[in-house]
Amino acid sequence: MTSFQWDEGNLKHIIQDYPDRDNSTGEVESVFADPFVLIKSARASADGEERFQAIGLSNRFRVCSVVFIIRNGQIRPLSCWPSKAKVRNQYAQNVQEKQQKNSGRD
């Protein structure tokens, strides 16, 4: 089971600071449950902590981008937003490639 790290800091940034994004902890966490989630390396933070970006379909059927770090063995979401068209296309291509691979076609 995947464990998430939530506290006042990331809750404020993800939910309260950007109400127009209409995020919830459940939706953010659901991106990681998507079997077609795409995980990419993102830029490192100023302190050198490696950041990642997850792109996946949420439980509200939105393709979302979640920037996160791994801290103490837990996923710590830092930001989340509905993905723009270019990223949605990358996600769709990833889904298509994985489906073709799973069906035995190349």
PDB file of N, CA and C in Angstrom:
ATOM      1  N   MET A   1       0.847  -1.183   0.000  1.00  0.00           N
ATOM      2  CA  MET A   1       0.000   0.000   0.000  1.00  0.00           C
ATOM      3  C   MET A   1       0.892   1.247   0.000  1.00  0.00           C
ATOM      4  N   THR A   2       0.508   2.190  -0.843  1.00  0.00           N
ATOM      5  CA  THR A   2       1.257   3.435  -0.947  1.00  0.00           C
ATOM      6  C   THR A   2       0.869   4.364   0.189  1.00  0.00           C
ATOM      7  N   SER A   3       1.875   4.953   0.797  1.00  0.00           N
ATOM      8  CA  SER A   3       1.656   5.851   1.925  1.00  0.00           C
ATOM      9  C   SER A   3       1.985   7.278   1.504  1.00  0.00           C
ATOM     10  N   PHE A   4       1.146   8.214   1.933  1.00  0.00           N
ATOM     11  CA  PHE A   4       1.318   9.616   1.581  1.00  0.00           C
ATOM     12  C   PHE A   4       1.593  10.446   2.816  1.00  0.00           C
ATOM     13  N   GLN A   5       2.357  11.498   2.629  1.00  0.00           N
ATOM     14  CA  GLN A   5       2.699  12.414   3.716  1.00  0.00           C
ATOM     15  C   GLN A   5       1.974  13.743   3.477  1.00  0.00           C
ATOM     16  N   TRP A   6       1.016  14.022   4.349  1.00  0.00           N
ATOM     17  CA  TRP A   6       0.259  15.269   4.283  1.00  0.00           C
ATOM     18  C   TRP A   6       0.472  16.047   5.576  1.00  0.00           C
ATOM     19  N   ASP A   7       0.608  17.346   5.452  1.00  0.00           N
ATOM     20  CA  ASP A   7       0.677  18.212   6.624  1.00  0.00           C
ATOM     21  C   ASP A   7       0.142  19.584   6.231  1.00  0.00           C
ATOM     22  N   GLU A   8       0.178  20.502   7.143  1.00  0.00           N
ATOM     23  CA  GLU A   8      -0.363  21.836   6.904  1.00  0.00           C
ATOM     24  C   GLU A   8       0.255  22.502   5.679  1.00  0.00           C
ATOM     25  N   GLY A   9       1.544  22.293   5.472  1.00  0.00           N
ATOM     26  CA  GLY A   9       2.250  22.944   4.366  1.00  0.00           C
ATOM     27  C   GLY A   9       1.776  22.504   2.996  1.00  0.00           C
ATOM     28  N   ASN A  10       1.785  21.196   2.733  1.00  0.00           N
ATOM     29  CA  ASN A  10       1.392  20.773   1.393  1.00  0.00           C
ATOM     30  C   ASN A  10      -0.127  20.816   1.202  1.00  0.00           C
ATOM     31  N   LEU A  11      -0.902  20.647   2.263  1.00  0.00           N
ATOM     32  CA  LEU A  11      -2.346  20.800   2.144  1.00  0.00           C
ATOM     33  C   LEU A  11      -2.700  22.231   1.748  1.00  0.00           C
ATOM     34  N   LYS A  12      -2.033  23.194   2.377  1.00  0.00           N
ATOM     35  CA  LYS A  12      -2.290  24.598   2.070  1.00  0.00           C
ATOM     36  C   LYS A  12      -1.958  24.892   0.619  1.00  0.00           C
ATOM     37  N   HIS A  13      -0.793  24.442   0.181  1.00  0.00           N
ATOM     38  CA  HIS A  13      -0.362  24.743  -1.182  1.00  0.00           C
ATOM     39  C   HIS A  13      -1.248  24.050  -2.223  1.00  0.00           C
ATOM     40  N   ILE A  14      -1.565  22.805  -2.023  1.00  0.00           N
ATOM     41  CA  ILE A  14      -2.299  22.037  -3.025  1.00  0.00           C
ATOM     42  C   ILE A  14      -3.794  22.361  -3.030  1.00  0.00           C
ATOM     43  N   ILE A  15      -4.369  22.589  -1.871  1.00  0.00           N
ATOM     44  CA  ILE A  15      -5.818  22.767  -1.802  1.00  0.00           C
ATOM     45  C   ILE A  15      -6.223  24.222  -1.601  1.00  0.00           C
ATOM     46  N   GLN A  16      -5.662  24.886  -0.616  1.00  0.00           N
ATOM     47  CA  GLN A  16      -6.119  26.232  -0.268  1.00  0.00           C
ATOM     48  C   GLN A  16      -5.573  27.333  -1.166  1.00  0.00           C
ATOM     49  N   ASP A  17      -4.296  27.258  -1.558  1.00  0.00           N
ATOM     50  CA  ASP A  17      -3.683  28.329  -2.339  1.00  0.00           C
ATOM     51  C   ASP A  17      -4.216  28.423  -3.768  1.00  0.00           C
ATOM     52  N   TYR A  18      -4.742  27.317  -4.293  1.00  0.00           N
ATOM     53  CA  TYR A  18      -5.227  27.292  -5.673  1.00  0.00           C
ATOM     54  C   TYR A  18      -6.630  26.688  -5.733  1.00  0.00           C
ATOM     55  N   PRO A  19      -7.626  27.377  -5.189  1.00  0.00           N
ATOM     56  CA  PRO A  19      -8.982  26.807  -5.165  1.00  0.00           C
ATOM     57  C   PRO A  19      -9.544  26.550  -6.564  1.00  0.00           C
ATOM     58  N   ASP A  20      -9.071  27.284  -7.569  1.00  0.00           N
ATOM     59  CA  ASP A  20      -9.546  27.095  -8.938  1.00  0.00           C
ATOM     60  C   ASP A  20      -9.147  25.731  -9.505  1.00  0.00           C
ATOM     61  N   ARG A  21      -8.141  25.105  -8.940  1.00  0.00           N
ATOM     62  CA  ARG A  21      -7.727  23.768  -9.391  1.00  0.00           C
ATOM     63  C   ARG A  21      -8.643  22.674  -8.856  1.00  0.00           C
ATOM     64  N   ASP A  22      -9.398  22.993  -7.821  1.00  0.00           N
ATOM     65  CA  ASP A  22     -10.395  22.077  -7.257  1.00  0.00           C
ATOM     66  C   ASP A  22      -9.783  20.726  -6.859  1.00  0.00           C
ATOM     67  N   ASN A  23      -8.613  20.751  -6.206  1.00  0.00           N
ATOM     68  CA  ASN A  23      -7.926  19.537  -5.779  1.00  0.00           C
ATOM     69  C   ASN A  23      -8.480  19.021  -4.452  1.00  0.00           C
ATOM     70  N   SER A  24      -8.297  17.738  -4.226  1.00  0.00           N
ATOM     71  CA  SER A  24      -8.552  17.120  -2.922  1.00  0.00           C
ATOM     72  C   SER A  24      -7.451  16.087  -2.696  1.00  0.00           C
ATOM     73  N   THR A  25      -7.233  15.722  -1.446  1.00  0.00           N
ATOM     74  CA  THR A  25      -6.195  14.715  -1.165  1.00  0.00           C
ATOM     75  C   THR A  25      -6.553  13.399  -1.852  1.00  0.00           C
ATOM     76  N   GLY A  26      -7.827  13.051  -1.845  1.00  0.00           N
ATOM     77  CA  GLY A  26      -8.246  11.800  -2.485  1.00  0.00           C
ATOM     78  C   GLY A  26      -7.950  11.782  -3.975  1.00  0.00           C
ATOM     79  N   GLU A  27      -8.191  12.914  -4.625  1.00  0.00           N
ATOM     80  CA  GLU A  27      -7.912  12.968  -6.065  1.00  0.00           C
ATOM     81  C   GLU A  27      -6.410  12.896  -6.323  1.00  0.00           C
ATOM     82  N   VAL A  28      -5.625  13.630  -5.554  1.00  0.00           N
ATOM     83  CA  VAL A  28      -4.162  13.603  -5.733  1.00  0.00           C
ATOM     84  C   VAL A  28      -3.652  12.173  -5.553  1.00  0.00           C
ATOM     85  N   GLU A  29      -4.079  11.517  -4.502  1.00  0.00           N
ATOM     86  CA  GLU A  29      -3.624  10.146  -4.241  1.00  0.00           C
ATOM     87  C   GLU A  29      -4.076   9.182  -5.337  1.00  0.00           C
ATOM     88  N   SER A  30      -5.257   9.423  -5.914  1.00  0.00           N
ATOM     89  CA  SER A  30      -5.780   8.508  -6.934  1.00  0.00           C
ATOM     90  C   SER A  30      -4.941   8.515  -8.205  1.00  0.00           C
ATOM     91  N   VAL A  31      -4.222   9.595  -8.473  1.00  0.00           N
ATOM     92  CA  VAL A  31      -3.351   9.654  -9.653  1.00  0.00           C
ATOM     93  C   VAL A  31      -2.324   8.519  -9.590  1.00  0.00           C
ATOM     94  N   PHE A  32      -1.835   8.214  -8.397  1.00  0.00           N
ATOM     95  CA  PHE A  32      -0.808   7.183  -8.227  1.00  0.00           C
ATOM     96  C   PHE A  32      -1.378   5.770  -8.359  1.00  0.00           C
ATOM     97  N   ALA A  33      -2.694   5.636  -8.274  1.00  0.00           N
ATOM     98  CA  ALA A  33      -3.345   4.335  -8.422  1.00  0.00           C
ATOM     99  C   ALA A  33      -3.648   4.008  -9.883  1.00  0.00           C
ATOM    100  N   ASP A  34      -3.491   4.982 -10.760  1.00  0.00           N
ATOM    101  CA  ASP A  34      -3.737   4.782 -12.186  1.00  0.00           C
ATOM    102  C   ASP A  34      -2.715   3.778 -12.726  1.00  0.00           C
ATOM    103  N   PRO A  35      -3.173   2.678 -13.344  1.00  0.00           N
ATOM    104  CA  PRO A  35      -2.207   1.693 -13.868  1.00  0.00           C
ATOM    105  C   PRO A  35      -1.346   2.243 -15.004  1.00  0.00           C
ATOM    106  N   PHE A  36      -1.742   3.362 -15.580  1.00  0.00           N
ATOM    107  CA  PHE A  36      -0.982   3.959 -16.667  1.00  0.00           C
ATOM    108  C   PHE A  36      -0.234   5.215 -16.244  1.00  0.00           C
ATOM    109  N   VAL A  37      -0.108   5.431 -14.937  1.00  0.00           N
ATOM    110  CA  VAL A  37       0.566   6.640 -14.453  1.00  0.00           C
ATOM    111  C   VAL A  37       1.970   6.721 -15.045  1.00  0.00           C
ATOM    112  N   LEU A  38       2.335   7.916 -15.432  1.00  0.00           N
ATOM    113  CA  LEU A  38       3.646   8.190 -16.011  1.00  0.00           C
ATOM    114  C   LEU A  38       4.440   8.963 -14.970  1.00  0.00           C
ATOM    115  N   ILE A  39       5.582   8.425 -14.562  1.00  0.00           N
ATOM    116  CA  ILE A  39       6.440   9.076 -13.568  1.00  0.00           C
ATOM    117  C   ILE A  39       7.694   9.572 -14.273  1.00  0.00           C
ATOM    118  N   LYS A  40       7.954  10.855 -14.125  1.00  0.00           N
ATOM    119  CA  LYS A  40       9.118  11.469 -14.752  1.00  0.00           C
ATOM    120  C   LYS A  40       9.950  12.155 -13.681  1.00  0.00           C
ATOM    121  N   SER A  41      11.244  12.212 -13.927  1.00  0.00           N
ATOM    122  CA  SER A  41      12.124  12.966 -13.041  1.00  0.00           C
ATOM    123  C   SER A  41      11.893  14.443 -13.308  1.00  0.00           C
ATOM    124  N   ALA A  42      11.857  15.226 -12.255  1.00  0.00           N
ATOM    125  CA  ALA A  42      11.688  16.674 -12.382  1.00  0.00           C
ATOM    126  C   ALA A  42      12.937  17.334 -11.818  1.00  0.00           C
ATOM    127  N   ARG A  43      12.953  18.619 -11.818  1.00  0.00           N
ATOM    128  CA  ARG A  43      14.127  19.329 -11.322  1.00  0.00           C
ATOM    129  C   ARG A  43      14.323  19.083  -9.823  1.00  0.00           C
ATOM    130  N   ALA A  44      15.537  19.168  -9.395  1.00  0.00           N
ATOM    131  CA  ALA A  44      15.831  19.038  -7.967  1.00  0.00           C
ATOM    132  C   ALA A  44      15.515  20.354  -7.272  1.00  0.00           C
ATOM    133  N   SER A  45      15.169  20.264  -6.008  1.00  0.00           N
ATOM    134  CA  SER A  45      14.889  21.476  -5.238  1.00  0.00           C
ATOM    135  C   SER A  45      16.206  22.170  -4.894  1.00  0.00           C
ATOM    136  N   ALA A  46      16.110  23.347  -4.325  1.00  0.00           N
ATOM    137  CA  ALA A  46      17.300  24.122  -3.969  1.00  0.00           C
ATOM    138  C   ALA A  46      18.205  23.358  -3.013  1.00  0.00           C
ATOM    139  N   ASP A  47      17.609  22.509  -2.165  1.00  0.00           N
ATOM    140  CA  ASP A  47      18.413  21.741  -1.210  1.00  0.00           C
ATOM    141  C   ASP A  47      18.893  20.407  -1.790  1.00  0.00           C
ATOM    142  N   GLY A  48      18.641  20.184  -3.095  1.00  0.00           N
ATOM    143  CA  GLY A  48      19.125  18.983  -3.759  1.00  0.00           C
ATOM    144  C   GLY A  48      18.199  17.787  -3.669  1.00  0.00           C
ATOM    145  N   GLU A  49      17.039  17.941  -3.037  1.00  0.00           N
ATOM    146  CA  GLU A  49      16.090  16.840  -2.920  1.00  0.00           C
ATOM    147  C   GLU A  49      15.457  16.580  -4.297  1.00  0.00           C
ATOM    148  N   GLU A  50      15.527  15.328  -4.758  1.00  0.00           N
ATOM    149  CA  GLU A  50      15.024  14.989  -6.083  1.00  0.00           C
ATOM    150  C   GLU A  50      13.502  15.055  -6.119  1.00  0.00           C
ATOM    151  N   ARG A  51      12.991  15.703  -7.159  1.00  0.00           N
ATOM    152  CA  ARG A  51      11.546  15.826  -7.352  1.00  0.00           C
ATOM    153  C   ARG A  51      11.125  15.007  -8.557  1.00  0.00           C
ATOM    154  N   PHE A  52       9.879  14.564  -8.523  1.00  0.00           N
ATOM    155  CA  PHE A  52       9.314  13.769  -9.595  1.00  0.00           C
ATOM    156  C   PHE A  52       7.975  14.358  -9.994  1.00  0.00           C
ATOM    157  N   GLN A  53       7.530  13.981 -11.181  1.00  0.00           N
ATOM    158  CA  GLN A  53       6.209  14.383 -11.640  1.00  0.00           C
ATOM    159  C   GLN A  53       5.445  13.130 -12.033  1.00  0.00           C
ATOM    160  N   ALA A  54       4.267  12.981 -11.467  1.00  0.00           N
ATOM    161  CA  ALA A  54       3.361  11.903 -11.839  1.00  0.00           C
ATOM    162  C   ALA A  54       2.269  12.500 -12.713  1.00  0.00           C
ATOM    163  N   ILE A  55       1.992  11.837 -13.820  1.00  0.00           N
ATOM    164  CA  ILE A  55       0.918  12.257 -14.715  1.00  0.00           C
ATOM    165  C   ILE A  55      -0.017  11.072 -14.837  1.00  0.00           C
ATOM    166  N   GLY A  56      -1.257  11.272 -14.399  1.00  0.00           N
ATOM    167  CA  GLY A  56      -2.184  10.148 -14.437  1.00  0.00           C
ATOM    168  C   GLY A  56      -3.630  10.588 -14.371  1.00  0.00           C
ATOM    169  N   LEU A  57      -4.491   9.627 -14.607  1.00  0.00           N
ATOM    170  CA  LEU A  57      -5.925   9.864 -14.575  1.00  0.00           C
ATOM    171  C   LEU A  57      -6.400   9.768 -13.130  1.00  0.00           C
ATOM    172  N   SER A  58      -7.114  10.796 -12.697  1.00  0.00           N
ATOM    173  CA  SER A  58      -7.590  10.831 -11.313  1.00  0.00           C
ATOM    174  C   SER A  58      -8.943  10.135 -11.196  1.00  0.00           C
ATOM    175  N   ASN A  59      -9.399  10.012  -9.963  1.00  0.00           N
ATOM    176  CA  ASN A  59     -10.705   9.405  -9.710  1.00  0.00           C
ATOM    177  C   ASN A  59     -11.849  10.296 -10.195  1.00  0.00           C
ATOM    178  N   ARG A  60     -11.532  11.502 -10.636  1.00  0.00           N
ATOM    179  CA  ARG A  60     -12.527  12.407 -11.214  1.00  0.00           C
ATOM    180  C   ARG A  60     -12.359  12.493 -12.733  1.00  0.00           C
ATOM    181  N   PHE A  61     -11.599  11.556 -13.291  1.00  0.00           N
ATOM    182  CA  PHE A  61     -11.391  11.438 -14.737  1.00  0.00           C
ATOM    183  C   PHE A  61     -10.747  12.683 -15.344  1.00  0.00           C
ATOM    184  N   ARG A  62      -9.843  13.279 -14.568  1.00  0.00           N
ATOM    185  CA  ARG A  62      -9.014  14.367 -15.069  1.00  0.00           C
ATOM    186  C   ARG A  62      -7.580  13.850 -15.141  1.00  0.00           C
ATOM    187  N   VAL A  63      -6.878  14.199 -16.200  1.00  0.00           N
ATOM    188  CA  VAL A  63      -5.448  13.906 -16.245  1.00  0.00           C
ATOM    189  C   VAL A  63      -4.773  15.013 -15.453  1.00  0.00           C
ATOM    190  N   CYS A  64      -4.114  14.623 -14.371  1.00  0.00           N
ATOM    191  CA  CYS A  64      -3.484  15.580 -13.465  1.00  0.00           C
ATOM    192  C   CYS A  64      -1.980  15.371 -13.414  1.00  0.00           C
ATOM    193  N   SER A  65      -1.284  16.449 -13.151  1.00  0.00           N
ATOM    194  CA  SER A  65       0.157  16.433 -12.930  1.00  0.00           C
ATOM    195  C   SER A  65       0.396  16.680 -11.445  1.00  0.00           C
ATOM    196  N   VAL A  66       1.158  15.797 -10.827  1.00  0.00           N
ATOM    197  CA  VAL A  66       1.469  15.917  -9.408  1.00  0.00           C
ATOM    198  C   VAL A  66       2.991  15.939  -9.254  1.00  0.00           C
ATOM    199  N   VAL A  67       3.513  17.023  -8.727  1.00  0.00           N
ATOM    200  CA  VAL A  67       4.940  17.089  -8.394  1.00  0.00           C
ATOM    201  C   VAL A  67       5.070  16.586  -6.965  1.00  0.00           C
ATOM    202  N   PHE A  68       6.043  15.688  -6.741  1.00  0.00           N
ATOM    203  CA  PHE A  68       6.190  15.084  -5.429  1.00  0.00           C
ATOM    204  C   PHE A  68       7.644  14.724  -5.157  1.00  0.00           C
ATOM    205  N   ILE A  69       7.916  14.457  -3.902  1.00  0.00           N
ATOM    206  CA  ILE A  69       9.206  13.931  -3.461  1.00  0.00           C
ATOM    207  C   ILE A  69       8.928  12.669  -2.663  1.00  0.00           C
ATOM    208  N   ILE A  70       9.966  11.886  -2.479  1.00  0.00           N
ATOM    209  CA  ILE A  70       9.881  10.718  -1.592  1.00  0.00           C
ATOM    210  C   ILE A  70      10.624  11.095  -0.327  1.00  0.00           C
ATOM    211  N   ARG A  71       9.921  11.077   0.784  1.00  0.00           N
ATOM    212  CA  ARG A  71      10.531  11.444   2.060  1.00  0.00           C
ATOM    213  C   ARG A  71      10.121  10.411   3.104  1.00  0.00           C
ATOM    214  N   ASN A  72      11.112   9.816   3.752  1.00  0.00           N
ATOM    215  CA  ASN A  72      10.870   8.795   4.775  1.00  0.00           C
ATOM    216  C   ASN A  72       9.997   7.668   4.242  1.00  0.00           C
ATOM    217  N   GLY A  73      10.237   7.284   2.994  1.00  0.00           N
ATOM    218  CA  GLY A  73       9.504   6.178   2.389  1.00  0.00           C
ATOM    219  C   GLY A  73       8.069   6.495   2.007  1.00  0.00           C
ATOM    220  N   GLN A  74       7.686   7.753   2.074  1.00  0.00           N
ATOM    221  CA  GLN A  74       6.322   8.152   1.743  1.00  0.00           C
ATOM    222  C   GLN A  74       6.332   9.130   0.564  1.00  0.00           C
ATOM    223  N   ILE A  75       5.227   9.150  -0.170  1.00  0.00           N
ATOM    224  CA  ILE A  75       5.048  10.130  -1.234  1.00  0.00           C
ATOM    225  C   ILE A  75       4.558  11.422  -0.593  1.00  0.00           C
ATOM    226  N   ARG A  76       5.291  12.491  -0.834  1.00  0.00           N
ATOM    227  CA  ARG A  76       4.894  13.810  -0.317  1.00  0.00           C
ATOM    228  C   ARG A  76       4.543  14.691  -1.502  1.00  0.00           C
ATOM    229  N   PRO A  77       3.236  14.830  -1.808  1.00  0.00           N
ATOM    230  CA  PRO A  77       2.828  15.702  -2.905  1.00  0.00           C
ATOM    231  C   PRO A  77       3.173  17.157  -2.588  1.00  0.00           C
ATOM    232  N   LEU A  78       3.680  17.870  -3.595  1.00  0.00           N
ATOM    233  CA  LEU A  78       4.050  19.269  -3.430  1.00  0.00           C
ATOM    234  C   LEU A  78       3.124  20.204  -4.196  1.00  0.00           C
ATOM    235  N   SER A  79       2.620  19.724  -5.320  1.00  0.00           N
ATOM    236  CA  SER A  79       1.747  20.542  -6.148  1.00  0.00           C
ATOM    237  C   SER A  79       0.926  19.628  -7.049  1.00  0.00           C
ATOM    238  N   CYS A  80      -0.239  20.117  -7.467  1.00  0.00           N
ATOM    239  CA  CYS A  80      -1.097  19.335  -8.365  1.00  0.00           C
ATOM    240  C   CYS A  80      -1.940  20.290  -9.193  1.00  0.00           C
ATOM    241  N   TRP A  81      -2.097  19.961 -10.470  1.00  0.00           N
ATOM    242  CA  TRP A  81      -2.935  20.764 -11.347  1.00  0.00           C
ATOM    243  C   TRP A  81      -3.458  19.892 -12.484  1.00  0.00           C
ATOM    244  N   PRO A  82      -4.591  20.273 -13.068  1.00  0.00           N
ATOM    245  CA  PRO A  82      -5.068  19.574 -14.265  1.00  0.00           C
ATOM    246  C   PRO A  82      -4.067  19.811 -15.400  1.00  0.00           C
ATOM    247  N   SER A  83      -3.678  18.756 -16.066  1.00  0.00           N
ATOM    248  CA  SER A  83      -2.649  18.846 -17.101  1.00  0.00           C
ATOM    249  C   SER A  83      -3.141  19.602 -18.331  1.00  0.00           C
ATOM    250  N   LYS A  84      -2.216  20.300 -18.957  1.00  0.00           N
ATOM    251  CA  LYS A  84      -2.482  21.002 -20.215  1.00  0.00           C
ATOM    252  C   LYS A  84      -2.497  19.998 -21.366  1.00  0.00           C
ATOM    253  N   ALA A  85      -2.931  20.427 -22.531  1.00  0.00           N
ATOM    254  CA  ALA A  85      -3.110  19.545 -23.697  1.00  0.00           C
ATOM    255  C   ALA A  85      -1.839  18.769 -24.052  1.00  0.00           C
ATOM    256  N   LYS A  86      -0.687  19.415 -24.049  1.00  0.00           N
ATOM    257  CA  LYS A  86       0.569  18.744 -24.418  1.00  0.00           C
ATOM    258  C   LYS A  86       0.849  17.564 -23.475  1.00  0.00           C
ATOM    259  N   VAL A  87       0.650  17.760 -22.191  1.00  0.00           N
ATOM    260  CA  VAL A  87       0.905  16.707 -21.206  1.00  0.00           C
ATOM    261  C   VAL A  87      -0.172  15.622 -21.304  1.00  0.00           C
ATOM    262  N   ARG A  88      -1.414  16.010 -21.544  1.00  0.00           N
ATOM    263  CA  ARG A  88      -2.482  15.011 -21.742  1.00  0.00           C
ATOM    264  C   ARG A  88      -2.154  14.122 -22.938  1.00  0.00           C
ATOM    265  N   ASN A  89      -1.577  14.716 -23.983  1.00  0.00           N
ATOM    266  CA  ASN A  89      -1.175  13.928 -25.156  1.00  0.00           C
ATOM    267  C   ASN A  89      -0.044  12.964 -24.822  1.00  0.00           C
ATOM    268  N   GLN A  90       0.915  13.399 -24.005  1.00  0.00           N
ATOM    269  CA  GLN A  90       1.997  12.501 -23.563  1.00  0.00           C
ATOM    270  C   GLN A  90       1.411  11.332 -22.774  1.00  0.00           C
ATOM    271  N   TYR A  91       0.453  11.639 -21.903  1.00  0.00           N
ATOM    272  CA  TYR A  91      -0.194  10.600 -21.112  1.00  0.00           C
ATOM    273  C   TYR A  91      -0.922   9.621 -22.035  1.00  0.00           C
ATOM    274  N   ALA A  92      -1.680  10.130 -23.000  1.00  0.00           N
ATOM    275  CA  ALA A  92      -2.428   9.266 -23.921  1.00  0.00           C
ATOM    276  C   ALA A  92      -1.482   8.368 -24.717  1.00  0.00           C
ATOM    277  N   GLN A  93      -0.346   8.910 -25.130  1.00  0.00           N
ATOM    278  CA  GLN A  93       0.645   8.112 -25.855  1.00  0.00           C
ATOM    279  C   GLN A  93       1.199   7.008 -24.949  1.00  0.00           C
ATOM    280  N   ASN A  94       1.452   7.345 -23.689  1.00  0.00           N
ATOM    281  CA  ASN A  94       1.939   6.358 -22.725  1.00  0.00           C
ATOM    282  C   ASN A  94       0.918   5.223 -22.544  1.00  0.00           C
ATOM    283  N   VAL A  95      -0.356   5.577 -22.434  1.00  0.00           N
ATOM    284  CA  VAL A  95      -1.419   4.573 -22.292  1.00  0.00           C
ATOM    285  C   VAL A  95      -1.431   3.665 -23.511  1.00  0.00           C
ATOM    286  N   GLN A  96      -1.391   4.254 -24.698  1.00  0.00           N
ATOM    287  CA  GLN A  96      -1.427   3.484 -25.936  1.00  0.00           C
ATOM    288  C   GLN A  96      -0.234   2.529 -26.019  1.00  0.00           C
ATOM    289  N   GLU A  97       0.954   3.014 -25.683  1.00  0.00           N
ATOM    290  CA  GLU A  97       2.151   2.167 -25.735  1.00  0.00           C
ATOM    291  C   GLU A  97       2.051   1.004 -24.751  1.00  0.00           C
ATOM    292  N   LYS A  98       1.585   1.273 -23.535  1.00  0.00           N
ATOM    293  CA  LYS A  98       1.460   0.207 -22.539  1.00  0.00           C
ATOM    294  C   LYS A  98       0.392  -0.803 -22.945  1.00  0.00           C
ATOM    295  N   GLN A  99      -0.708  -0.345 -23.537  1.00  0.00           N
ATOM    296  CA  GLN A  99      -1.754  -1.260 -23.978  1.00  0.00           C
ATOM    297  C   GLN A  99      -1.249  -2.147 -25.108  1.00  0.00           C
ATOM    298  N   GLN A 100      -0.486  -1.568 -26.044  1.00  0.00           N
ATOM    299  CA  GLN A 100       0.081  -2.354 -27.140  1.00  0.00           C
ATOM    300  C   GLN A 100       1.073  -3.380 -26.607  1.00  0.00           C
ATOM    301  N   LYS A 101       1.890  -2.987 -25.669  1.00  0.00           N
ATOM    302  CA  LYS A 101       2.861  -3.896 -25.071  1.00  0.00           C
ATOM    303  C   LYS A 101       2.163  -5.049 -24.364  1.00  0.00           C
ATOM    304  N   ASN A 102       1.101  -4.726 -23.618  1.00  0.00           N
ATOM    305  CA  ASN A 102       0.364  -5.762 -22.896  1.00  0.00           C
ATOM    306  C   ASN A 102      -0.412  -6.691 -23.811  1.00  0.00           C
ATOM    307  N   SER A 103      -0.758  -6.224 -25.001  1.00  0.00           N
ATOM    308  CA  SER A 103      -1.509  -7.069 -25.928  1.00  0.00           C
ATOM    309  C   SER A 103      -0.570  -7.889 -26.811  1.00  0.00           C
ATOM    310  N   GLY A 104       0.739  -7.649 -26.681  1.00  0.00           N
ATOM    311  CA  GLY A 104       1.724  -8.412 -27.447  1.00  0.00           C
ATOM    312  C   GLY A 104       2.045  -7.827 -28.795  1.00  0.00           C
ATOM    313  N   ARG A 105       1.481  -6.650 -29.101  1.00  0.00           N
ATOM    314  CA  ARG A 105       1.775  -5.980 -30.370  1.00  0.00           C
ATOM    315  C   ARG A 105       2.860  -4.943 -30.137  1.00  0.00           C
ATOM    316  N   ASP A 106       3.681  -4.767 -31.126  1.00  0.00           N
ATOM    317  CA  ASP A 106       4.737  -3.732 -31.063  1.00  0.00           C
ATOM    318  C   ASP A 106       4.551  -2.704 -32.123  1.00  0.00           C
TER     319      ASP A 106
END
